[in-house]
Amino acid sequence: MDKYVCNVCGYVYDPAKGDPDNGIKPGTKFADLPDSWVCPDCGAGKEEFEKTE
């Protein structure tokens, strides 16, 4: 699964880990995150993320 990086702060969303502190289970693809999900480090929206190499 692809990882996505926040263009604002550099946080990397790793689908294998999810975001359990915010109710996102491991194995959740970035595309399947709710539109209301924001970066846990800086609060940026999903639109501020881009796929990493």
PDB file of N, CA and C in Angstrom:
ATOM      1  N   MET A   1       0.845  -1.196   0.000  1.00  0.00           N
ATOM      2  CA  MET A   1       0.000   0.000   0.000  1.00  0.00           C
ATOM      3  C   MET A   1       0.885   1.253   0.000  1.00  0.00           C
ATOM      4  N   ASP A   2       0.410   2.259  -0.683  1.00  0.00           N
ATOM      5  CA  ASP A   2       1.167   3.493  -0.814  1.00  0.00           C
ATOM      6  C   ASP A   2       1.127   4.325   0.460  1.00  0.00           C
ATOM      7  N   LYS A   3       2.268   4.968   0.756  1.00  0.00           N
ATOM      8  CA  LYS A   3       2.355   5.897   1.867  1.00  0.00           C
ATOM      9  C   LYS A   3       2.149   7.304   1.324  1.00  0.00           C
ATOM     10  N   TYR A   4       1.635   8.186   2.172  1.00  0.00           N
ATOM     11  CA  TYR A   4       1.385   9.575   1.785  1.00  0.00           C
ATOM     12  C   TYR A   4       2.040  10.494   2.797  1.00  0.00           C
ATOM     13  N   VAL A   5       2.642  11.591   2.287  1.00  0.00           N
ATOM     14  CA  VAL A   5       3.351  12.534   3.150  1.00  0.00           C
ATOM     15  C   VAL A   5       2.606  13.865   3.177  1.00  0.00           C
ATOM     16  N   CYS A   6       2.562  14.476   4.359  1.00  0.00           N
ATOM     17  CA  CYS A   6       1.936  15.787   4.527  1.00  0.00           C
ATOM     18  C   CYS A   6       2.903  16.852   4.012  1.00  0.00           C
ATOM     19  N   ASN A   7       2.446  17.667   3.062  1.00  0.00           N
ATOM     20  CA  ASN A   7       3.283  18.723   2.504  1.00  0.00           C
ATOM     21  C   ASN A   7       3.514  19.870   3.487  1.00  0.00           C
ATOM     22  N   VAL A   8       2.743  19.927   4.558  1.00  0.00           N
ATOM     23  CA  VAL A   8       2.874  21.000   5.534  1.00  0.00           C
ATOM     24  C   VAL A   8       3.950  20.673   6.575  1.00  0.00           C
ATOM     25  N   CYS A   9       3.883  19.461   7.146  1.00  0.00           N
ATOM     26  CA  CYS A   9       4.791  19.153   8.259  1.00  0.00           C
ATOM     27  C   CYS A   9       5.686  17.935   8.046  1.00  0.00           C
ATOM     28  N   GLY A  10       5.434  17.141   7.003  1.00  0.00           N
ATOM     29  CA  GLY A  10       6.270  15.979   6.743  1.00  0.00           C
ATOM     30  C   GLY A  10       5.790  14.681   7.358  1.00  0.00           C
ATOM     31  N   TYR A  11       4.659  14.705   8.075  1.00  0.00           N
ATOM     32  CA  TYR A  11       4.104  13.473   8.637  1.00  0.00           C
ATOM     33  C   TYR A  11       3.832  12.481   7.510  1.00  0.00           C
ATOM     34  N   VAL A  12       4.154  11.211   7.724  1.00  0.00           N
ATOM     35  CA  VAL A  12       3.901  10.176   6.720  1.00  0.00           C
ATOM     36  C   VAL A  12       2.774   9.272   7.212  1.00  0.00           C
ATOM     37  N   TYR A  13       1.703   9.203   6.407  1.00  0.00           N
ATOM     38  CA  TYR A  13       0.625   8.258   6.710  1.00  0.00           C
ATOM     39  C   TYR A  13       1.000   6.913   6.112  1.00  0.00           C
ATOM     40  N   ASP A  14       1.132   5.909   6.964  1.00  0.00           N
ATOM     41  CA  ASP A  14       1.480   4.554   6.552  1.00  0.00           C
ATOM     42  C   ASP A  14       0.237   3.684   6.757  1.00  0.00           C
ATOM     43  N   PRO A  15      -0.371   3.210   5.659  1.00  0.00           N
ATOM     44  CA  PRO A  15      -1.594   2.406   5.783  1.00  0.00           C
ATOM     45  C   PRO A  15      -1.402   1.152   6.637  1.00  0.00           C
ATOM     46  N   ALA A  16      -0.202   0.595   6.654  1.00  0.00           N
ATOM     47  CA  ALA A  16       0.054  -0.595   7.461  1.00  0.00           C
ATOM     48  C   ALA A  16      -0.108  -0.308   8.950  1.00  0.00           C
ATOM     49  N   LYS A  17       0.148   0.944   9.348  1.00  0.00           N
ATOM     50  CA  LYS A  17       0.023   1.344  10.756  1.00  0.00           C
ATOM     51  C   LYS A  17      -1.309   2.007  11.050  1.00  0.00           C
ATOM     52  N   GLY A  18      -1.900   2.660  10.032  1.00  0.00           N
ATOM     53  CA  GLY A  18      -3.132   3.413  10.254  1.00  0.00           C
ATOM     54  C   GLY A  18      -2.864   4.618  11.144  1.00  0.00           C
ATOM     55  N   ASP A  19      -3.913   5.048  11.819  1.00  0.00           N
ATOM     56  CA  ASP A  19      -3.820   6.171  12.769  1.00  0.00           C
ATOM     57  C   ASP A  19      -4.713   5.814  13.952  1.00  0.00           C
ATOM     58  N   PRO A  20      -4.296   4.795  14.724  1.00  0.00           N
ATOM     59  CA  PRO A  20      -5.158   4.279  15.791  1.00  0.00           C
ATOM     60  C   PRO A  20      -5.556   5.306  16.841  1.00  0.00           C
ATOM     61  N   ASP A  21      -4.719   6.321  17.061  1.00  0.00           N
ATOM     62  CA  ASP A  21      -5.065   7.348  18.044  1.00  0.00           C
ATOM     63  C   ASP A  21      -6.285   8.154  17.598  1.00  0.00           C
ATOM     64  N   ASN A  22      -6.572   8.114  16.292  1.00  0.00           N
ATOM     65  CA  ASN A  22      -7.720   8.847  15.754  1.00  0.00           C
ATOM     66  C   ASN A  22      -8.761   7.924  15.128  1.00  0.00           C
ATOM     67  N   GLY A  23      -8.753   6.654  15.553  1.00  0.00           N
ATOM     68  CA  GLY A  23      -9.779   5.713  15.143  1.00  0.00           C
ATOM     69  C   GLY A  23      -9.600   5.091  13.769  1.00  0.00           C
ATOM     70  N   ILE A  24      -8.401   5.199  13.189  1.00  0.00           N
ATOM     71  CA  ILE A  24      -8.137   4.623  11.875  1.00  0.00           C
ATOM     72  C   ILE A  24      -7.357   3.323  12.068  1.00  0.00           C
ATOM     73  N   LYS A  25      -7.972   2.209  11.701  1.00  0.00           N
ATOM     74  CA  LYS A  25      -7.372   0.901  11.912  1.00  0.00           C
ATOM     75  C   LYS A  25      -6.217   0.646  10.951  1.00  0.00           C
ATOM     76  N   PRO A  26      -5.211  -0.132  11.394  1.00  0.00           N
ATOM     77  CA  PRO A  26      -4.145  -0.551  10.482  1.00  0.00           C
ATOM     78  C   PRO A  26      -4.748  -1.246   9.264  1.00  0.00           C
ATOM     79  N   GLY A  27      -4.146  -1.011   8.099  1.00  0.00           N
ATOM     80  CA  GLY A  27      -4.645  -1.593   6.865  1.00  0.00           C
ATOM     81  C   GLY A  27      -5.604  -0.690   6.103  1.00  0.00           C
ATOM     82  N   THR A  28      -5.882   0.520   6.642  1.00  0.00           N
ATOM     83  CA  THR A  28      -6.783   1.461   5.986  1.00  0.00           C
ATOM     84  C   THR A  28      -6.022   2.253   4.923  1.00  0.00           C
ATOM     85  N   LYS A  29      -6.438   2.098   3.656  1.00  0.00           N
ATOM     86  CA  LYS A  29      -5.811   2.835   2.562  1.00  0.00           C
ATOM     87  C   LYS A  29      -6.090   4.323   2.717  1.00  0.00           C
ATOM     88  N   PHE A  30      -5.164   5.153   2.205  1.00  0.00           N
ATOM     89  CA  PHE A  30      -5.338   6.603   2.280  1.00  0.00           C
ATOM     90  C   PHE A  30      -6.656   7.018   1.636  1.00  0.00           C
ATOM     91  N   ALA A  31      -6.979   6.430   0.494  1.00  0.00           N
ATOM     92  CA  ALA A  31      -8.209   6.770  -0.228  1.00  0.00           C
ATOM     93  C   ALA A  31      -9.464   6.455   0.586  1.00  0.00           C
ATOM     94  N   ASP A  32      -9.341   5.524   1.533  1.00  0.00           N
ATOM     95  CA  ASP A  32     -10.485   5.128   2.351  1.00  0.00           C
ATOM     96  C   ASP A  32     -10.619   5.920   3.644  1.00  0.00           C
ATOM     97  N   LEU A  33      -9.672   6.833   3.893  1.00  0.00           N
ATOM     98  CA  LEU A  33      -9.792   7.688   5.081  1.00  0.00           C
ATOM     99  C   LEU A  33     -11.000   8.601   4.915  1.00  0.00           C
ATOM    100  N   PRO A  34     -11.727   8.880   5.993  1.00  0.00           N
ATOM    101  CA  PRO A  34     -12.855   9.803   5.873  1.00  0.00           C
ATOM    102  C   PRO A  34     -12.390  11.201   5.467  1.00  0.00           C
ATOM    103  N   ASP A  35     -13.235  11.935   4.754  1.00  0.00           N
ATOM    104  CA  ASP A  35     -12.884  13.283   4.317  1.00  0.00           C
ATOM    105  C   ASP A  35     -12.581  14.197   5.495  1.00  0.00           C
ATOM    106  N   SER A  36     -13.108  13.865   6.652  1.00  0.00           N
ATOM    107  CA  SER A  36     -12.896  14.688   7.843  1.00  0.00           C
ATOM    108  C   SER A  36     -11.541  14.425   8.514  1.00  0.00           C
ATOM    109  N   TRP A  37     -10.823  13.390   8.065  1.00  0.00           N
ATOM    110  CA  TRP A  37      -9.528  13.057   8.672  1.00  0.00           C
ATOM    111  C   TRP A  37      -8.526  14.165   8.384  1.00  0.00           C
ATOM    112  N   VAL A  38      -7.720  14.510   9.380  1.00  0.00           N
ATOM    113  CA  VAL A  38      -6.672  15.520   9.226  1.00  0.00           C
ATOM    114  C   VAL A  38      -5.355  14.958   9.754  1.00  0.00           C
ATOM    115  N   CYS A  39      -4.269  15.582   9.338  1.00  0.00           N
ATOM    116  CA  CYS A  39      -2.944  15.180   9.795  1.00  0.00           C
ATOM    117  C   CYS A  39      -2.902  15.226  11.326  1.00  0.00           C
ATOM    118  N   PRO A  40      -2.493  14.125  11.964  1.00  0.00           N
ATOM    119  CA  PRO A  40      -2.455  14.123  13.434  1.00  0.00           C
ATOM    120  C   PRO A  40      -1.385  15.030  14.019  1.00  0.00           C
ATOM    121  N   ASP A  41      -0.400  15.440  13.224  1.00  0.00           N
ATOM    122  CA  ASP A  41       0.662  16.309  13.732  1.00  0.00           C
ATOM    123  C   ASP A  41       0.340  17.796  13.583  1.00  0.00           C
ATOM    124  N   CYS A  42      -0.250  18.188  12.424  1.00  0.00           N
ATOM    125  CA  CYS A  42      -0.431  19.626  12.192  1.00  0.00           C
ATOM    126  C   CYS A  42      -1.872  20.032  11.861  1.00  0.00           C
ATOM    127  N   GLY A  43      -2.752  19.063  11.634  1.00  0.00           N
ATOM    128  CA  GLY A  43      -4.148  19.381  11.366  1.00  0.00           C
ATOM    129  C   GLY A  43      -4.471  19.699   9.918  1.00  0.00           C
ATOM    130  N   ALA A  44      -3.513  19.502   9.001  1.00  0.00           N
ATOM    131  CA  ALA A  44      -3.771  19.754   7.579  1.00  0.00           C
ATOM    132  C   ALA A  44      -4.750  18.719   7.034  1.00  0.00           C
ATOM    133  N   GLY A  45      -5.544  19.131   6.063  1.00  0.00           N
ATOM    134  CA  GLY A  45      -6.510  18.232   5.448  1.00  0.00           C
ATOM    135  C   GLY A  45      -5.866  17.252   4.481  1.00  0.00           C
ATOM    136  N   LYS A  46      -6.647  16.272   4.045  1.00  0.00           N
ATOM    137  CA  LYS A  46      -6.148  15.249   3.124  1.00  0.00           C
ATOM    138  C   LYS A  46      -5.590  15.839   1.836  1.00  0.00           C
ATOM    139  N   GLU A  47      -6.111  16.997   1.427  1.00  0.00           N
ATOM    140  CA  GLU A  47      -5.662  17.609   0.179  1.00  0.00           C
ATOM    141  C   GLU A  47      -4.203  18.067   0.241  1.00  0.00           C
ATOM    142  N   GLU A  48      -3.648  18.140   1.454  1.00  0.00           N
ATOM    143  CA  GLU A  48      -2.254  18.557   1.623  1.00  0.00           C
ATOM    144  C   GLU A  48      -1.279  17.384   1.560  1.00  0.00           C
ATOM    145  N   PHE A  49      -1.783  16.182   1.304  1.00  0.00           N
ATOM    146  CA  PHE A  49      -0.942  14.989   1.251  1.00  0.00           C
ATOM    147  C   PHE A  49      -0.679  14.575  -0.182  1.00  0.00           C
ATOM    148  N   GLU A  50       0.499  14.005  -0.413  1.00  0.00           N
ATOM    149  CA  GLU A  50       0.787  13.424  -1.713  1.00  0.00           C
ATOM    150  C   GLU A  50       1.511  12.100  -1.537  1.00  0.00           C
ATOM    151  N   LYS A  51       1.331  11.235  -2.512  1.00  0.00           N
ATOM    152  CA  LYS A  51       1.925   9.894  -2.454  1.00  0.00           C
ATOM    153  C   LYS A  51       3.443   9.992  -2.479  1.00  0.00           C
ATOM    154  N   THR A  52       4.097   9.188  -1.624  1.00  0.00           N
ATOM    155  CA  THR A  52       5.555   9.172  -1.580  1.00  0.00           C
ATOM    156  C   THR A  52       6.069   8.108  -2.549  1.00  0.00           C
ATOM    157  N   GLU A  53       7.315   8.228  -2.894  1.00  0.00           N
ATOM    158  CA  GLU A  53       7.952   7.261  -3.809  1.00  0.00           C
ATOM    159  C   GLU A  53       8.308   5.996  -3.065  1.00  0.00           C
TER     160      GLU A  53
END
